[in-house]
Amino acid sequence: MIYDIEINSAAHYPAAEVPELIALAERAGFGAFWKGESNSTDPMVLLSAVASRTREIKLGTAIYHIYGRSPVTLGIQAATLQDLSGGRLLLGLGVANKAIAGWHGGVFDRPLKRAREYIEVVRRVAAGERVEYEGEIYQTGKRFQLSWKPSHPAVPVYLAGLG
């Protein structure tokens, strides 16, 4: 059996010590490291630091809420971390709740439609596709495309739910 390790948003573990902790977890045989968001340290920043100190352990967001950044921005971040880590990113996403949406100036409505559109844009951007998306909620405007070809264009996406 393979076990994972998570530092959730309620944990107050010092960010500077996380890369060494996860390097130890990797040596002990853990399969993945998951980092929560909410009002805690940024998962992508921490996972990037961990990627530089590890070689095999998967790196997951648990969970990035979709109100905190645009889908294009997250697509760029995902493609970058995939390249840095050799394709180890597991992208956990969720629609969060009214409070978290409000922290970011968002309106909590149509969560399934919002998640569907968001994930579609993230996947296409992270894959290096040319994106001109006109959804009901998200629009990318004129053709957006990464300036480089991602080395690991398929980013696994996990969708969280509350209720």
C-alpha atoms as a PDB file:
ATOM      1  CA  MET A   1       0.000   0.000   0.000  1.00  0.00           C
ATOM      2  CA  ILE A   2       1.234   3.496  -0.844  1.00  0.00           C
ATOM      3  CA  TYR A   3       0.513   6.375   1.526  1.00  0.00           C
ATOM      4  CA  ASP A   4       0.357  10.097   0.833  1.00  0.00           C
ATOM      5  CA  ILE A   5       1.141  13.046   3.095  1.00  0.00           C
ATOM      6  CA  GLU A   6      -0.838  16.301   3.314  1.00  0.00           C
ATOM      7  CA  ILE A   7      -0.229  19.653   4.920  1.00  0.00           C
ATOM      8  CA  ASN A   8      -3.666  21.246   4.974  1.00  0.00           C
ATOM      9  CA  SER A   9      -4.544  24.896   5.366  1.00  0.00           C
ATOM     10  CA  ALA A  10      -4.972  24.568   9.147  1.00  0.00           C
ATOM     11  CA  ALA A  11      -1.435  23.254   9.648  1.00  0.00           C
ATOM     12  CA  HIS A  12       1.060  25.878  10.707  1.00  0.00           C
ATOM     13  CA  TYR A  13       4.139  24.034   9.507  1.00  0.00           C
ATOM     14  CA  PRO A  14       6.960  26.463   8.580  1.00  0.00           C
ATOM     15  CA  ALA A  15       7.128  26.773   4.788  1.00  0.00           C
ATOM     16  CA  ALA A  16      10.929  26.830   4.760  1.00  0.00           C
ATOM     17  CA  GLU A  17      11.001  23.371   6.370  1.00  0.00           C
ATOM     18  CA  VAL A  18       8.499  21.694   4.032  1.00  0.00           C
ATOM     19  CA  PRO A  19      10.923  20.761   1.203  1.00  0.00           C
ATOM     20  CA  GLU A  20      13.174  18.804   3.581  1.00  0.00           C
ATOM     21  CA  LEU A  21      10.162  17.168   5.268  1.00  0.00           C
ATOM     22  CA  ILE A  22       8.828  15.979   1.916  1.00  0.00           C
ATOM     23  CA  ALA A  23      12.283  14.806   0.799  1.00  0.00           C
ATOM     24  CA  LEU A  24      12.257  12.610   3.927  1.00  0.00           C
ATOM     25  CA  ALA A  25       8.722  11.435   3.101  1.00  0.00           C
ATOM     26  CA  GLU A  26       9.859  10.514  -0.409  1.00  0.00           C
ATOM     27  CA  ARG A  27      12.772   8.483   0.971  1.00  0.00           C
ATOM     28  CA  ALA A  28      10.323   6.745   3.324  1.00  0.00           C
ATOM     29  CA  GLY A  29       8.201   5.677   0.338  1.00  0.00           C
ATOM     30  CA  PHE A  30       5.278   8.107   0.406  1.00  0.00           C
ATOM     31  CA  GLY A  31       3.560   8.358  -2.977  1.00  0.00           C
ATOM     32  CA  ALA A  32       2.359  11.961  -3.027  1.00  0.00           C
ATOM     33  CA  PHE A  33       2.522  15.229  -1.131  1.00  0.00           C
ATOM     34  CA  TRP A  34      -0.697  17.253  -1.050  1.00  0.00           C
ATOM     35  CA  LYS A  35      -0.833  20.931  -0.048  1.00  0.00           C
ATOM     36  CA  GLY A  36      -4.051  22.768   0.798  1.00  0.00           C
ATOM     37  CA  GLU A  37      -4.765  26.436   0.140  1.00  0.00           C
ATOM     38  CA  SER A  38      -7.636  28.398   1.747  1.00  0.00           C
ATOM     39  CA  ASN A  39      -5.884  31.073   3.856  1.00  0.00           C
ATOM     40  CA  SER A  40      -2.557  29.265   4.113  1.00  0.00           C
ATOM     41  CA  THR A  41       0.747  29.246   2.215  1.00  0.00           C
ATOM     42  CA  ASP A  42       0.439  29.031  -1.564  1.00  0.00           C
ATOM     43  CA  PRO A  43       0.509  25.437  -2.828  1.00  0.00           C
ATOM     44  CA  MET A  44       2.186  26.131  -6.183  1.00  0.00           C
ATOM     45  CA  VAL A  45       5.047  28.054  -4.576  1.00  0.00           C
ATOM     46  CA  LEU A  46       5.590  25.343  -1.967  1.00  0.00           C
ATOM     47  CA  LEU A  47       5.252  22.507  -4.490  1.00  0.00           C
ATOM     48  CA  SER A  48       7.865  24.200  -6.689  1.00  0.00           C
ATOM     49  CA  ALA A  49      10.303  24.238  -3.777  1.00  0.00           C
ATOM     50  CA  VAL A  50       9.509  20.595  -3.028  1.00  0.00           C
ATOM     51  CA  ALA A  51       9.966  19.664  -6.707  1.00  0.00           C
ATOM     52  CA  SER A  52      13.513  21.010  -6.569  1.00  0.00           C
ATOM     53  CA  ARG A  53      14.356  18.710  -3.625  1.00  0.00           C
ATOM     54  CA  THR A  54      12.616  15.507  -4.777  1.00  0.00           C
ATOM     55  CA  ARG A  55      12.576  13.250  -7.834  1.00  0.00           C
ATOM     56  CA  GLU A  56       9.630  10.835  -7.649  1.00  0.00           C
ATOM     57  CA  ILE A  57       6.949  11.837  -5.150  1.00  0.00           C
ATOM     58  CA  LYS A  58       3.799  13.224  -6.803  1.00  0.00           C
ATOM     59  CA  LEU A  59       2.918  16.845  -5.987  1.00  0.00           C
ATOM     60  CA  GLY A  60      -0.738  17.677  -5.423  1.00  0.00           C
ATOM     61  CA  THR A  61      -2.883  20.684  -4.668  1.00  0.00           C
ATOM     62  CA  ALA A  62      -5.563  19.836  -2.102  1.00  0.00           C
ATOM     63  CA  ILE A  63      -7.440  21.896  -2.973  1.00  0.00           C
ATOM     64  CA  TYR A  64      -6.931  24.988  -5.127  1.00  0.00           C
ATOM     65  CA  HIS A  65     -10.217  26.887  -5.173  1.00  0.00           C
ATOM     66  CA  ILE A  66     -11.128  28.324  -8.551  1.00  0.00           C
ATOM     67  CA  TYR A  67     -11.832  31.853  -7.315  1.00  0.00           C
ATOM     68  CA  GLY A  68      -8.258  32.730  -6.385  1.00  0.00           C
ATOM     69  CA  ARG A  69      -6.798  32.974  -9.879  1.00  0.00           C
ATOM     70  CA  SER A  70      -7.955  32.994 -13.465  1.00  0.00           C
ATOM     71  CA  PRO A  71      -7.994  29.683 -15.348  1.00  0.00           C
ATOM     72  CA  VAL A  72      -5.315  31.024 -17.713  1.00  0.00           C
ATOM     73  CA  THR A  73      -3.048  31.876 -14.760  1.00  0.00           C
ATOM     74  CA  LEU A  74      -3.526  28.429 -13.223  1.00  0.00           C
ATOM     75  CA  GLY A  75      -2.924  26.787 -16.607  1.00  0.00           C
ATOM     76  CA  ILE A  76       0.405  28.630 -16.855  1.00  0.00           C
ATOM     77  CA  GLN A  77       1.305  27.629 -13.282  1.00  0.00           C
ATOM     78  CA  ALA A  78       0.364  23.990 -13.915  1.00  0.00           C
ATOM     79  CA  ALA A  79       2.403  23.785 -17.127  1.00  0.00           C
ATOM     80  CA  THR A  80       5.379  25.377 -15.379  1.00  0.00           C
ATOM     81  CA  LEU A  81       5.262  23.009 -12.402  1.00  0.00           C
ATOM     82  CA  GLN A  82       4.805  20.035 -14.715  1.00  0.00           C
ATOM     83  CA  ASP A  83       7.998  21.059 -16.513  1.00  0.00           C
ATOM     84  CA  LEU A  84       9.901  21.692 -13.253  1.00  0.00           C
ATOM     85  CA  SER A  85       8.807  18.416 -11.675  1.00  0.00           C
ATOM     86  CA  GLY A  86       9.018  16.064 -14.628  1.00  0.00           C
ATOM     87  CA  GLY A  87       5.239  15.656 -14.834  1.00  0.00           C
ATOM     88  CA  ARG A  88       4.462  14.960 -11.160  1.00  0.00           C
ATOM     89  CA  LEU A  89       1.644  17.483 -10.617  1.00  0.00           C
ATOM     90  CA  LEU A  90      -1.781  16.298  -9.428  1.00  0.00           C
ATOM     91  CA  LEU A  91      -4.073  19.306  -9.739  1.00  0.00           C
ATOM     92  CA  GLY A  92      -6.825  19.234  -7.126  1.00  0.00           C
ATOM     93  CA  LEU A  93      -9.489  21.888  -7.738  1.00  0.00           C
ATOM     94  CA  GLY A  94     -12.708  22.888  -6.033  1.00  0.00           C
ATOM     95  CA  VAL A  95     -15.385  25.577  -6.118  1.00  0.00           C
ATOM     96  CA  ALA A  96     -14.911  26.292  -2.394  1.00  0.00           C
ATOM     97  CA  ASN A  97     -17.752  28.130  -0.652  1.00  0.00           C
ATOM     98  CA  LYS A  98     -19.333  31.586  -0.349  1.00  0.00           C
ATOM     99  CA  ALA A  99     -16.783  32.829   2.199  1.00  0.00           C
ATOM    100  CA  ILE A 100     -13.743  31.867   0.125  1.00  0.00           C
ATOM    101  CA  ALA A 101     -15.303  33.198  -3.070  1.00  0.00           C
ATOM    102  CA  GLY A 102     -15.947  36.480  -1.251  1.00  0.00           C
ATOM    103  CA  TRP A 103     -12.322  36.767  -0.090  1.00  0.00           C
ATOM    104  CA  HIS A 104     -11.387  36.989  -3.768  1.00  0.00           C
ATOM    105  CA  GLY A 105     -14.212  39.224  -4.919  1.00  0.00           C
ATOM    106  CA  GLY A 106     -16.101  36.322  -6.482  1.00  0.00           C
ATOM    107  CA  VAL A 107     -19.763  35.393  -6.447  1.00  0.00           C
ATOM    108  CA  PHE A 108     -20.558  31.818  -5.464  1.00  0.00           C
ATOM    109  CA  ASP A 109     -23.000  30.736  -8.159  1.00  0.00           C
ATOM    110  CA  ARG A 110     -23.429  27.915 -10.675  1.00  0.00           C
ATOM    111  CA  PRO A 111     -20.595  25.853  -9.156  1.00  0.00           C
ATOM    112  CA  LEU A 112     -20.782  22.946 -11.620  1.00  0.00           C
ATOM    113  CA  LYS A 113     -20.870  25.168 -14.703  1.00  0.00           C
ATOM    114  CA  ARG A 114     -18.088  27.327 -13.272  1.00  0.00           C
ATOM    115  CA  ALA A 115     -15.918  24.280 -12.504  1.00  0.00           C
ATOM    116  CA  ARG A 116     -16.535  22.717 -15.923  1.00  0.00           C
ATOM    117  CA  GLU A 117     -15.516  25.863 -17.807  1.00  0.00           C
ATOM    118  CA  TYR A 118     -12.574  26.582 -15.508  1.00  0.00           C
ATOM    119  CA  ILE A 119     -11.129  23.081 -15.846  1.00  0.00           C
ATOM    120  CA  GLU A 120     -11.541  23.127 -19.626  1.00  0.00           C
ATOM    121  CA  VAL A 121      -9.521  26.348 -19.926  1.00  0.00           C
ATOM    122  CA  VAL A 122      -6.855  25.183 -17.433  1.00  0.00           C
ATOM    123  CA  ARG A 123      -6.353  21.894 -19.283  1.00  0.00           C
ATOM    124  CA  ARG A 124      -6.098  23.541 -22.681  1.00  0.00           C
ATOM    125  CA  VAL A 125      -3.680  26.234 -21.499  1.00  0.00           C
ATOM    126  CA  ALA A 126      -1.516  23.699 -19.621  1.00  0.00           C
ATOM    127  CA  ALA A 127      -1.402  21.512 -22.732  1.00  0.00           C
ATOM    128  CA  GLY A 128       0.026  24.401 -24.733  1.00  0.00           C
ATOM    129  CA  GLU A 129      -3.007  24.701 -26.998  1.00  0.00           C
ATOM    130  CA  ARG A 130      -4.071  27.956 -28.584  1.00  0.00           C
ATOM    131  CA  VAL A 131      -7.089  29.000 -26.520  1.00  0.00           C
ATOM    132  CA  GLU A 132      -9.888  31.343 -27.497  1.00  0.00           C
ATOM    133  CA  TYR A 133     -12.606  30.383 -25.035  1.00  0.00           C
ATOM    134  CA  GLU A 134     -16.021  32.010 -24.862  1.00  0.00           C
ATOM    135  CA  GLY A 135     -18.012  30.334 -22.107  1.00  0.00           C
ATOM    136  CA  GLU A 136     -20.956  31.568 -20.079  1.00  0.00           C
ATOM    137  CA  ILE A 137     -18.666  32.391 -17.141  1.00  0.00           C
ATOM    138  CA  TYR A 138     -15.101  32.511 -18.473  1.00  0.00           C
ATOM    139  CA  GLN A 139     -13.795  34.188 -21.583  1.00  0.00           C
ATOM    140  CA  THR A 140     -10.143  34.266 -22.582  1.00  0.00           C
ATOM    141  CA  GLY A 141     -10.495  36.852 -25.306  1.00  0.00           C
ATOM    142  CA  LYS A 142      -8.237  36.605 -28.319  1.00  0.00           C
ATOM    143  CA  ARG A 143      -6.016  33.606 -28.874  1.00  0.00           C
ATOM    144  CA  PHE A 144      -3.908  32.824 -25.827  1.00  0.00           C
ATOM    145  CA  GLN A 145      -1.065  30.347 -26.094  1.00  0.00           C
ATOM    146  CA  LEU A 146       1.956  29.580 -23.961  1.00  0.00           C
ATOM    147  CA  SER A 147       5.241  30.864 -25.359  1.00  0.00           C
ATOM    148  CA  TRP A 148       6.804  27.409 -24.925  1.00  0.00           C
ATOM    149  CA  LYS A 149       5.786  23.824 -25.599  1.00  0.00           C
ATOM    150  CA  PRO A 150       5.086  22.076 -22.270  1.00  0.00           C
ATOM    151  CA  SER A 151       7.082  18.886 -21.748  1.00  0.00           C
ATOM    152  CA  HIS A 152       4.183  17.200 -19.883  1.00  0.00           C
ATOM    153  CA  PRO A 153       0.964  18.593 -21.399  1.00  0.00           C
ATOM    154  CA  ALA A 154      -1.488  16.208 -19.702  1.00  0.00           C
ATOM    155  CA  VAL A 155      -2.199  17.471 -16.180  1.00  0.00           C
ATOM    156  CA  PRO A 156      -4.327  15.132 -14.030  1.00  0.00           C
ATOM    157  CA  VAL A 157      -7.232  17.086 -12.509  1.00  0.00           C
ATOM    158  CA  TYR A 158      -9.105  16.022  -9.369  1.00  0.00           C
ATOM    159  CA  LEU A 159     -12.357  17.822  -8.537  1.00  0.00           C
ATOM    160  CA  ALA A 160     -13.332  18.208  -4.882  1.00  0.00           C
ATOM    161  CA  GLY A 161     -16.846  18.653  -3.615  1.00  0.00           C
ATOM    162  CA  LEU A 162     -18.517  20.034  -0.496  1.00  0.00           C
ATOM    163  CA  GLY A 163     -21.967  19.349   0.705  1.00  0.00           C
END
